[in-house]
C-alpha atoms as a PDB file:
ATOM      1  CA  MET A   1      97.229  86.965 102.579  1.00  0.00           C
ATOM      2  CA  ILE A   2      99.278  88.039  99.400  1.00  0.00           C
ATOM      3  CA  LYS A   3     102.379  85.729  98.459  1.00  0.00           C
ATOM      4  CA  ARG A   4     102.437  86.155  94.514  1.00  0.00           C
ATOM      5  CA  ILE A   5     101.512  88.844  92.403  1.00  0.00           C
ATOM      6  CA  LEU A   6     100.824  88.468  88.523  1.00  0.00           C
ATOM      7  CA  VAL A   7     101.682  91.577  86.356  1.00  0.00           C
ATOM      8  CA  ALA A   8     100.356  91.631  82.582  1.00  0.00           C
ATOM      9  CA  LEU A   9     103.030  93.681  80.617  1.00  0.00           C
ATOM     10  CA  ASP A  10     102.071  95.570  77.440  1.00  0.00           C
ATOM     11  CA  PRO A  11     103.667  98.104  75.454  1.00  0.00           C
ATOM     12  CA  ASP A  12     101.406 100.926  76.930  1.00  0.00           C
ATOM     13  CA  SER A  13     102.945 103.438  79.377  1.00  0.00           C
ATOM     14  CA  ASP A  14     100.507 102.351  82.115  1.00  0.00           C
ATOM     15  CA  THR A  15     102.672  98.999  82.594  1.00  0.00           C
ATOM     16  CA  VAL A  16     105.408 100.956  83.993  1.00  0.00           C
ATOM     17  CA  VAL A  17     102.753 102.284  86.757  1.00  0.00           C
ATOM     18  CA  ALA A  18     101.499  98.824  87.419  1.00  0.00           C
ATOM     19  CA  VAL A  19     105.117  97.346  88.043  1.00  0.00           C
ATOM     20  CA  GLN A  20     105.388 100.398  90.528  1.00  0.00           C
ATOM     21  CA  TYR A  21     102.244  99.285  92.294  1.00  0.00           C
ATOM     22  CA  ALA A  22     103.334  95.787  92.377  1.00  0.00           C
ATOM     23  CA  ILE A  23     106.623  96.456  93.961  1.00  0.00           C
ATOM     24  CA  SER A  24     104.927  98.559  96.550  1.00  0.00           C
ATOM     25  CA  ILE A  25     102.450  95.759  97.620  1.00  0.00           C
ATOM     26  CA  ALA A  26     105.379  93.187  97.398  1.00  0.00           C
ATOM     27  CA  GLN A  27     107.351  95.238  99.658  1.00  0.00           C
ATOM     28  CA  GLN A  28     104.600  95.436 102.455  1.00  0.00           C
ATOM     29  CA  THR A  29     103.604  91.709 101.938  1.00  0.00           C
ATOM     30  CA  SER A  30     106.913  89.883 101.233  1.00  0.00           C
ATOM     31  CA  ALA A  31     105.245  88.441  98.087  1.00  0.00           C
ATOM     32  CA  ARG A  32     106.881  87.638  94.666  1.00  0.00           C
ATOM     33  CA  ILE A  33     106.132  89.363  91.555  1.00  0.00           C
ATOM     34  CA  THR A  34     105.758  87.490  88.035  1.00  0.00           C
ATOM     35  CA  GLY A  35     106.253  89.694  85.069  1.00  0.00           C
ATOM     36  CA  LEU A  36     103.959  87.953  81.959  1.00  0.00           C
ATOM     37  CA  ALA A  37     104.137  88.971  78.215  1.00  0.00           C
ATOM     38  CA  VAL A  38     101.540  87.106  75.820  1.00  0.00           C
ATOM     39  CA  VAL A  39     102.375  86.688  72.360  1.00  0.00           C
ATOM     40  CA  ASP A  40      98.825  87.533  71.115  1.00  0.00           C
ATOM     41  CA  THR A  41      98.828  84.290  68.552  1.00  0.00           C
ATOM     42  CA  LYS A  42      94.775  85.149  67.997  1.00  0.00           C
ATOM     43  CA  ASN A  43      95.221  88.507  66.467  1.00  0.00           C
ATOM     44  CA  ILE A  44      98.190  87.708  64.617  1.00  0.00           C
ATOM     45  CA  GLU A  45      96.353  84.804  62.762  1.00  0.00           C
ATOM     46  CA  ALA A  46      93.408  87.105  62.290  1.00  0.00           C
ATOM     47  CA  SER A  47      95.816  89.758  60.641  1.00  0.00           C
ATOM     48  CA  SER A  48      97.387  87.330  58.691  1.00  0.00           C
ATOM     49  CA  ARG A  49      94.565  85.723  57.025  1.00  0.00           C
ATOM     50  CA  GLY A  50      94.947  85.359  53.259  1.00  0.00           C
ATOM     51  CA  GLY A  51      92.017  85.633  50.754  1.00  0.00           C
ATOM     52  CA  GLY A  52      92.686  82.928  48.208  1.00  0.00           C
ATOM     53  CA  ILE A  53      95.208  80.242  47.402  1.00  0.00           C
ATOM     54  CA  GLY A  54      97.405  82.902  45.601  1.00  0.00           C
ATOM     55  CA  SER A  55      97.802  84.902  48.529  1.00  0.00           C
ATOM     56  CA  MET A  56      98.647  81.855  50.956  1.00  0.00           C
ATOM     57  CA  TYR A  57     102.108  82.300  50.798  1.00  0.00           C
ATOM     58  CA  TYR A  58     102.226  85.896  51.638  1.00  0.00           C
ATOM     59  CA  ALA A  59      99.782  85.277  54.750  1.00  0.00           C
ATOM     60  CA  ASP A  60     102.160  82.871  55.854  1.00  0.00           C
ATOM     61  CA  LYS A  61     105.053  85.447  55.531  1.00  0.00           C
ATOM     62  CA  LEU A  62     103.202  88.056  57.216  1.00  0.00           C
ATOM     63  CA  ARG A  63     102.214  85.698  60.091  1.00  0.00           C
ATOM     64  CA  GLU A  64     105.963  84.495  60.927  1.00  0.00           C
ATOM     65  CA  ASN A  65     106.922  88.092  60.412  1.00  0.00           C
ATOM     66  CA  LEU A  66     104.175  89.373  62.944  1.00  0.00           C
ATOM     67  CA  THR A  67     105.071  86.299  65.335  1.00  0.00           C
ATOM     68  CA  GLN A  68     108.732  86.948  65.432  1.00  0.00           C
ATOM     69  CA  GLU A  69     108.275  90.867  65.957  1.00  0.00           C
ATOM     70  CA  THR A  70     105.827  90.117  68.474  1.00  0.00           C
ATOM     71  CA  ARG A  71     108.261  87.689  70.463  1.00  0.00           C
ATOM     72  CA  GLN A  72     110.678  90.359  70.096  1.00  0.00           C
ATOM     73  CA  GLU A  73     108.463  93.008  71.838  1.00  0.00           C
ATOM     74  CA  ALA A  74     107.680  90.665  74.602  1.00  0.00           C
ATOM     75  CA  ARG A  75     111.324  90.058  75.289  1.00  0.00           C
ATOM     76  CA  ARG A  76     111.922  93.742  75.740  1.00  0.00           C
ATOM     77  CA  LEU A  77     109.019  93.857  77.999  1.00  0.00           C
ATOM     78  CA  ILE A  78     110.400  91.519  80.347  1.00  0.00           C
ATOM     79  CA  GLN A  79     113.592  93.098  80.161  1.00  0.00           C
ATOM     80  CA  ASP A  80     112.312  96.386  81.051  1.00  0.00           C
ATOM     81  CA  PHE A  81     110.492  94.344  83.973  1.00  0.00           C
ATOM     82  CA  GLU A  82     113.840  92.939  85.114  1.00  0.00           C
ATOM     83  CA  LYS A  83     115.246  96.301  85.299  1.00  0.00           C
ATOM     84  CA  ALA A  84     112.388  97.953  86.990  1.00  0.00           C
ATOM     85  CA  VAL A  85     112.101  95.345  89.738  1.00  0.00           C
ATOM     86  CA  GLU A  86     116.069  94.846  90.434  1.00  0.00           C
ATOM     87  CA  GLY A  87     117.059  96.566  93.389  1.00  0.00           C
ATOM     88  CA  SER A  88     113.796  96.896  94.847  1.00  0.00           C
ATOM     89  CA  GLY A  89     114.575  93.608  97.110  1.00  0.00           C
ATOM     90  CA  VAL A  90     111.401  91.877  95.602  1.00  0.00           C
ATOM     91  CA  PRO A  91     111.781  88.344  94.431  1.00  0.00           C
ATOM     92  CA  HIS A  92     110.426  88.131  90.805  1.00  0.00           C
ATOM     93  CA  LEU A  93     109.690  85.612  87.978  1.00  0.00           C
ATOM     94  CA  GLU A  94     109.613  86.209  84.036  1.00  0.00           C
ATOM     95  CA  VAL A  95     107.384  84.443  81.768  1.00  0.00           C
ATOM     96  CA  VAL A  96     106.710  84.725  78.373  1.00  0.00           C
ATOM     97  CA  GLU A  97     103.691  82.826  76.789  1.00  0.00           C
ATOM     98  CA  GLU A  98     101.604  82.572  73.404  1.00  0.00           C
ATOM     99  CA  GLY A  99      97.996  82.555  73.064  1.00  0.00           C
ATOM    100  CA  VAL A 100      94.914  84.493  73.707  1.00  0.00           C
ATOM    101  CA  PRO A 101      96.111  87.281  76.298  1.00  0.00           C
ATOM    102  CA  PHE A 102      93.093  87.124  78.795  1.00  0.00           C
ATOM    103  CA  GLU A 103      93.057  83.093  78.714  1.00  0.00           C
ATOM    104  CA  ARG A 104      96.795  83.294  79.623  1.00  0.00           C
ATOM    105  CA  ILE A 105      96.351  85.717  82.194  1.00  0.00           C
ATOM    106  CA  VAL A 106      93.344  83.834  83.663  1.00  0.00           C
ATOM    107  CA  GLU A 107      95.320  80.420  83.497  1.00  0.00           C
ATOM    108  CA  ASP A 108      98.361  82.025  85.310  1.00  0.00           C
ATOM    109  CA  MET A 109      95.906  83.590  87.946  1.00  0.00           C
ATOM    110  CA  LYS A 110      95.010  80.414  89.385  1.00  0.00           C
ATOM    111  CA  TYR A 111      98.419  80.375  90.824  1.00  0.00           C
ATOM    112  CA  HIS A 112      98.598  84.015  92.050  1.00  0.00           C
ATOM    113  CA  ASP A 113      96.740  86.227  94.611  1.00  0.00           C
ATOM    114  CA  LEU A 114      96.667  89.150  92.903  1.00  0.00           C
ATOM    115  CA  LEU A 115      96.556  90.744  89.193  1.00  0.00           C
ATOM    116  CA  VAL A 116      98.122  94.006  88.589  1.00  0.00           C
ATOM    117  CA  MET A 117      97.442  95.583  85.136  1.00  0.00           C
ATOM    118  CA  GLY A 118      97.160  98.910  83.232  1.00  0.00           C
ATOM    119  CA  CYS A 119      93.906 100.730  82.454  1.00  0.00           C
ATOM    120  CA  ASP A 120      94.224 100.606  78.747  1.00  0.00           C
ATOM    121  CA  PRO A 121      95.516  97.337  77.906  1.00  0.00           C
ATOM    122  CA  HIS A 122      96.973  96.804  74.083  1.00  0.00           C
ATOM    123  CA  PHE A 123      98.038  93.245  74.099  1.00  0.00           C
ATOM    124  CA  PHE A 124      98.314  93.140  70.389  1.00  0.00           C
ATOM    125  CA  TYR A 125     101.935  94.002  70.092  1.00  0.00           C
ATOM    126  CA  GLY A 126     101.768  94.202  66.308  1.00  0.00           C
ATOM    127  CA  HIS A 127      99.351  97.147  66.572  1.00  0.00           C
ATOM    128  CA  PRO A 128      99.963  98.696  70.000  1.00  0.00           C
ATOM    129  CA  LYS A 129      97.389 101.034  69.620  1.00  0.00           C
ATOM    130  CA  MET A 130      94.422  98.568  69.060  1.00  0.00           C
ATOM    131  CA  ARG A 131      92.421  98.030  72.183  1.00  0.00           C
ATOM    132  CA  THR A 132      91.694  94.590  73.034  1.00  0.00           C
ATOM    133  CA  ASP A 133      88.592  93.149  75.122  1.00  0.00           C
ATOM    134  CA  THR A 134      91.607  91.617  77.560  1.00  0.00           C
ATOM    135  CA  LEU A 135      90.295  93.285  80.420  1.00  0.00           C
ATOM    136  CA  ALA A 136      86.692  92.273  80.178  1.00  0.00           C
ATOM    137  CA  GLY A 137      87.612  88.694  79.453  1.00  0.00           C
ATOM    138  CA  VAL A 138      89.856  88.565  82.562  1.00  0.00           C
ATOM    139  CA  PHE A 139      87.215  89.943  84.883  1.00  0.00           C
ATOM    140  CA  HIS A 140      84.708  87.424  83.143  1.00  0.00           C
ATOM    141  CA  HIS A 141      86.717  84.608  84.084  1.00  0.00           C
ATOM    142  CA  THR A 142      89.364  85.279  86.609  1.00  0.00           C
ATOM    143  CA  VAL A 143      89.459  83.298  90.207  1.00  0.00           C
ATOM    144  CA  GLY A 144      91.152  86.239  91.698  1.00  0.00           C
ATOM    145  CA  PRO A 145      91.067  89.965  92.125  1.00  0.00           C
ATOM    146  CA  THR A 146      92.550  92.747  89.861  1.00  0.00           C
ATOM    147  CA  ILE A 147      93.993  96.120  90.540  1.00  0.00           C
ATOM    148  CA  VAL A 148      93.913  98.434  87.390  1.00  0.00           C
ATOM    149  CA  VAL A 149      96.250 101.123  87.947  1.00  0.00           C
ATOM    150  CA  PRO A 150      95.999 104.708  86.439  1.00  0.00           C
ATOM    151  CA  LYS A 151      98.280 106.649  84.314  1.00  0.00           C
ATOM    152  CA  GLU A 152     100.671 107.708  87.484  1.00  0.00           C
ATOM    153  CA  PHE A 153     101.628 106.064  90.636  1.00  0.00           C
ATOM    154  CA  ARG A 154     100.060 107.506  94.035  1.00  0.00           C
ATOM    155  CA  SER A 155     100.531 105.786  97.405  1.00  0.00           C
ATOM    156  CA  VAL A 156      97.360 104.450  98.789  1.00  0.00           C
ATOM    157  CA  LYS A 157      95.991 105.966 102.176  1.00  0.00           C
ATOM    158  CA  LYS A 158      92.469 106.540 101.274  1.00  0.00           C
ATOM    159  CA  VAL A 159      89.922 104.092  99.959  1.00  0.00           C
ATOM    160  CA  LEU A 160      86.644 104.520  98.290  1.00  0.00           C
ATOM    161  CA  TYR A 161      84.341 101.437  98.634  1.00  0.00           C
ATOM    162  CA  ALA A 162      81.597 101.730  95.987  1.00  0.00           C
ATOM    163  CA  THR A 163      78.757  99.669  96.329  1.00  0.00           C
ATOM    164  CA  ASN A 164      75.282  98.947  95.344  1.00  0.00           C
ATOM    165  CA  GLY A 165      74.705  95.947  97.937  1.00  0.00           C
ATOM    166  CA  GLU A 166      75.003  93.325  95.159  1.00  0.00           C
ATOM    167  CA  ASN A 167      77.458  90.065  95.890  1.00  0.00           C
ATOM    168  CA  SER A 168      80.277  91.384  93.570  1.00  0.00           C
ATOM    169  CA  SER A 169      80.486  94.615  95.432  1.00  0.00           C
ATOM    170  CA  SER A 170      80.679  92.584  98.946  1.00  0.00           C
ATOM    171  CA  ARG A 171      83.170  89.988  97.591  1.00  0.00           C
ATOM    172  CA  ALA A 172      85.553  92.863  96.707  1.00  0.00           C
ATOM    173  CA  LEU A 173      85.471  94.559  99.912  1.00  0.00           C
ATOM    174  CA  LYS A 174      85.741  91.178 101.845  1.00  0.00           C
ATOM    175  CA  ARG A 175      88.984  90.063  99.371  1.00  0.00           C
ATOM    176  CA  PHE A 176      90.331  93.681  99.864  1.00  0.00           C
ATOM    177  CA  LEU A 177      90.344  93.037 103.612  1.00  0.00           C
ATOM    178  CA  GLU A 178      91.761  89.789 103.257  1.00  0.00           C
ATOM    179  CA  LEU A 179      94.607  90.247 101.184  1.00  0.00           C
ATOM    180  CA  ASN A 180      95.355  93.936 102.716  1.00  0.00           C
ATOM    181  CA  PRO A 181      97.549  94.999 100.064  1.00  0.00           C
ATOM    182  CA  PHE A 182      98.065  98.547 101.258  1.00  0.00           C
ATOM    183  CA  GLY A 183      98.595  97.878 105.035  1.00  0.00           C
ATOM    184  CA  LYS A 184      96.189  98.720 108.048  1.00  0.00           C
ATOM    185  CA  ASN A 185      96.470 102.430 108.088  1.00  0.00           C
ATOM    186  CA  LEU A 186      93.759 103.318 105.779  1.00  0.00           C
ATOM    187  CA  GLU A 187      91.050 105.724 105.909  1.00  0.00           C
ATOM    188  CA  PHE A 188      87.815 104.184 104.245  1.00  0.00           C
ATOM    189  CA  ASP A 189      84.768 106.072 102.823  1.00  0.00           C
ATOM    190  CA  VAL A 190      81.759 103.773 101.740  1.00  0.00           C
ATOM    191  CA  PHE A 191      79.522 105.224  98.988  1.00  0.00           C
ATOM    192  CA  PHE A 192      76.300 103.875  97.946  1.00  0.00           C
ATOM    193  CA  VAL A 193      74.227 104.823  95.017  1.00  0.00           C
ATOM    194  CA  TYR A 194      70.778 103.756  95.283  1.00  0.00           C
ATOM    195  CA  GLU A 195      67.488 103.856  93.649  1.00  0.00           C
ATOM    196  CA  LYS A 196      64.955 106.300  94.392  1.00  0.00           C
ATOM    197  CA  ASP A 197      62.502 104.135  96.691  1.00  0.00           C
ATOM    198  CA  SER A 198      65.380 102.193  98.265  1.00  0.00           C
ATOM    199  CA  ARG A 199      66.848 104.670 100.832  1.00  0.00           C
ATOM    200  CA  ALA A 200      66.000 102.412 103.875  1.00  0.00           C
ATOM    201  CA  ASP A 201      67.756  99.588 102.527  1.00  0.00           C
ATOM    202  CA  ALA A 202      70.764 101.688 101.452  1.00  0.00           C
ATOM    203  CA  GLU A 203      71.197 103.188 104.953  1.00  0.00           C
ATOM    204  CA  PHE A 204      70.826  99.802 106.573  1.00  0.00           C
ATOM    205  CA  HIS A 205      73.503  98.433 104.061  1.00  0.00           C
ATOM    206  CA  LEU A 206      75.839 101.314 104.828  1.00  0.00           C
ATOM    207  CA  GLN A 207      75.369 100.839 108.527  1.00  0.00           C
ATOM    208  CA  LEU A 208      76.261  96.912 108.298  1.00  0.00           C
ATOM    209  CA  THR A 209      79.268  97.978 106.067  1.00  0.00           C
ATOM    210  CA  LYS A 210      80.583 100.543 108.755  1.00  0.00           C
ATOM    211  CA  ASP A 211      80.447  97.764 111.619  1.00  0.00           C
ATOM    212  CA  TYR A 212      82.103  95.290 109.357  1.00  0.00           C
ATOM    213  CA  LEU A 213      85.020  97.754 108.588  1.00  0.00           C
ATOM    214  CA  ALA A 214      85.197  98.448 112.367  1.00  0.00           C
ATOM    215  CA  ASP A 215      85.590  94.954 113.209  1.00  0.00           C
ATOM    216  CA  HIS A 216      88.549  94.823 110.779  1.00  0.00           C
ATOM    217  CA  GLY A 217      90.246  97.857 112.378  1.00  0.00           C
ATOM    218  CA  HIS A 218      88.977 100.649 110.065  1.00  0.00           C
ATOM    219  CA  SER A 219      86.590 103.583 111.001  1.00  0.00           C
ATOM    220  CA  ALA A 220      84.570 104.439 108.098  1.00  0.00           C
ATOM    221  CA  ARG A 221      82.413 107.259 106.673  1.00  0.00           C
ATOM    222  CA  VAL A 222      79.154 106.500 104.856  1.00  0.00           C
ATOM    223  CA  TRP A 223      77.220 108.199 102.185  1.00  0.00           C
ATOM    224  CA  GLY A 224      74.335 107.244 100.035  1.00  0.00           C
ATOM    225  CA  VAL A 225      72.836 109.078  97.198  1.00  0.00           C
ATOM    226  CA  THR A 226      70.204 108.378  94.652  1.00  0.00           C
ATOM    227  CA  GLY A 227      71.239 108.723  90.577  1.00  0.00           C
ATOM    228  CA  SER A 228      71.487 106.988  87.573  1.00  0.00           C
ATOM    229  CA  ASP A 229      75.103 107.953  86.607  1.00  0.00           C
ATOM    230  CA  LYS A 230      76.626 105.555  89.140  1.00  0.00           C
ATOM    231  CA  ALA A 231      80.145 105.843  87.534  1.00  0.00           C
ATOM    232  CA  ALA A 232      80.201 109.666  87.463  1.00  0.00           C
ATOM    233  CA  GLN A 233      79.095 109.935  90.938  1.00  0.00           C
ATOM    234  CA  ILE A 234      81.408 107.265  92.264  1.00  0.00           C
ATOM    235  CA  LEU A 235      84.441 109.409  90.716  1.00  0.00           C
ATOM    236  CA  ALA A 236      83.012 112.519  91.786  1.00  0.00           C
ATOM    237  CA  LYS A 237      82.691 111.393  95.502  1.00  0.00           C
ATOM    238  CA  ALA A 238      86.315 109.703  95.122  1.00  0.00           C
ATOM    239  CA  ASP A 239      87.752 113.435  94.088  1.00  0.00           C
ATOM    240  CA  GLU A 240      85.936 115.219  96.929  1.00  0.00           C
ATOM    241  CA  ALA A 241      87.085 112.692  99.399  1.00  0.00           C
ATOM    242  CA  GLY A 242      90.778 112.598  98.228  1.00  0.00           C
ATOM    243  CA  SER A 243      90.847 108.865  97.625  1.00  0.00           C
ATOM    244  CA  ASP A 244      93.634 107.094  96.083  1.00  0.00           C
ATOM    245  CA  LEU A 245      91.899 103.730  95.387  1.00  0.00           C
ATOM    246  CA  ILE A 246      88.567 102.727  94.642  1.00  0.00           C
ATOM    247  CA  VAL A 247      87.272  98.963  95.782  1.00  0.00           C
ATOM    248  CA  ALA A 248      84.016  97.931  93.700  1.00  0.00           C
ATOM    249  CA  GLY A 249      82.506  94.873  92.163  1.00  0.00           C
ATOM    250  CA  SER A 250      82.772  94.169  88.484  1.00  0.00           C
ATOM    251  CA  THR A 251      79.771  93.332  86.009  1.00  0.00           C
ATOM    252  CA  THR A 252      80.681  91.647  82.510  1.00  0.00           C
ATOM    253  CA  SER A 253      78.795  89.822  79.886  1.00  0.00           C
ATOM    254  CA  LYS A 254      79.681  87.904  76.759  1.00  0.00           C
ATOM    255  CA  GLY A 255      78.273  88.878  73.660  1.00  0.00           C
ATOM    256  CA  ILE A 256      78.541  87.862  69.716  1.00  0.00           C
ATOM    257  CA  THR A 257      81.484  90.268  69.285  1.00  0.00           C
ATOM    258  CA  GLY A 258      83.243  89.367  72.700  1.00  0.00           C
ATOM    259  CA  TYR A 259      83.330  90.326  76.433  1.00  0.00           C
ATOM    260  CA  HIS A 260      81.908  93.513  77.459  1.00  0.00           C
ATOM    261  CA  MET A 261      82.188  95.122  80.802  1.00  0.00           C
ATOM    262  CA  SER A 262      78.924  97.092  82.156  1.00  0.00           C
ATOM    263  CA  ARG A 263      79.198 101.037  81.572  1.00  0.00           C
ATOM    264  CA  THR A 264      79.948 101.619  85.205  1.00  0.00           C
ATOM    265  CA  THR A 265      82.884  98.987  85.343  1.00  0.00           C
ATOM    266  CA  ASP A 266      84.111 100.306  82.118  1.00  0.00           C
ATOM    267  CA  ARG A 267      84.205 103.992  83.433  1.00  0.00           C
ATOM    268  CA  LEU A 268      85.757 103.282  86.668  1.00  0.00           C
ATOM    269  CA  THR A 269      88.533 101.057  85.110  1.00  0.00           C
ATOM    270  CA  ASP A 270      89.366 103.685  82.413  1.00  0.00           C
ATOM    271  CA  ASN A 271      89.259 106.563  84.891  1.00  0.00           C
ATOM    272  CA  HIS A 272      93.211 106.957  84.565  1.00  0.00           C
ATOM    273  CA  ARG A 273      93.493 109.015  87.819  1.00  0.00           C
ATOM    274  CA  LEU A 274      92.851 106.618  90.483  1.00  0.00           C
ATOM    275  CA  ALA A 275      93.687 102.762  91.086  1.00  0.00           C
ATOM    276  CA  VAL A 276      90.676 100.549  91.081  1.00  0.00           C
ATOM    277  CA  PHE A 277      90.609  96.963  92.960  1.00  0.00           C
ATOM    278  CA  VAL A 278      88.109  94.984  91.176  1.00  0.00           C
ATOM    279  CA  GLU A 279      86.584  91.574  92.048  1.00  0.00           C
ATOM    280  CA  HIS A 280      83.845  89.714  89.840  1.00  0.00           C
END
């Protein structure tokens, strides 16, 4: 059951689409929406760091100006969010916070049921075209599921569940069915990309998944194929099936340069055409 939806706001155009998805879900579930804008103090600090004593004054001034500009942008995002939600009949709350964006989002997700955000996040408002690792950081740490939206809104009637039999995939499906964000009248396709010698295991897993969905009131078609480019095959099957949303698990890691998504997770969430429901 969904009672609280968190929308992460940034200057990119897909934030408008994220708000549309959140409103649609909230209207079906009687949930409240929280619009969150984050002043990215980490990147502000990094961008304004001086090289020596003589440059400290200028670094402080730059940091002050960047912080002020970013706060103004955050307020603008909040105002745009309010305008979008007003008139929808959906209760809403607006929040501006400061810190590292993924950390603030993860903290707020402790008290929300679902996160909705754009597919191309630019949370460093001072440089809106600079892509950050916010999405990977959120996936790595969050305690709840995320819907990553495409560039245009579309009603969700057909769902493709992409699985490889791993726990994150199963968690994604279970959470999707528990939250039921798009109602009960959904068509399901289950798609399994398996290793060359694992056909029997794949077919067994597909049958179990089909039975599980049936007990939740959903009929499903099942598909199993071999291949190495999982993301390309999943997206191709979604296009073939006319899917509106992909349900999938996510894989992330932490390296020296920050958080990273697996190649499959990155390509699925960056597809720009279909919404993706993700559980880590």
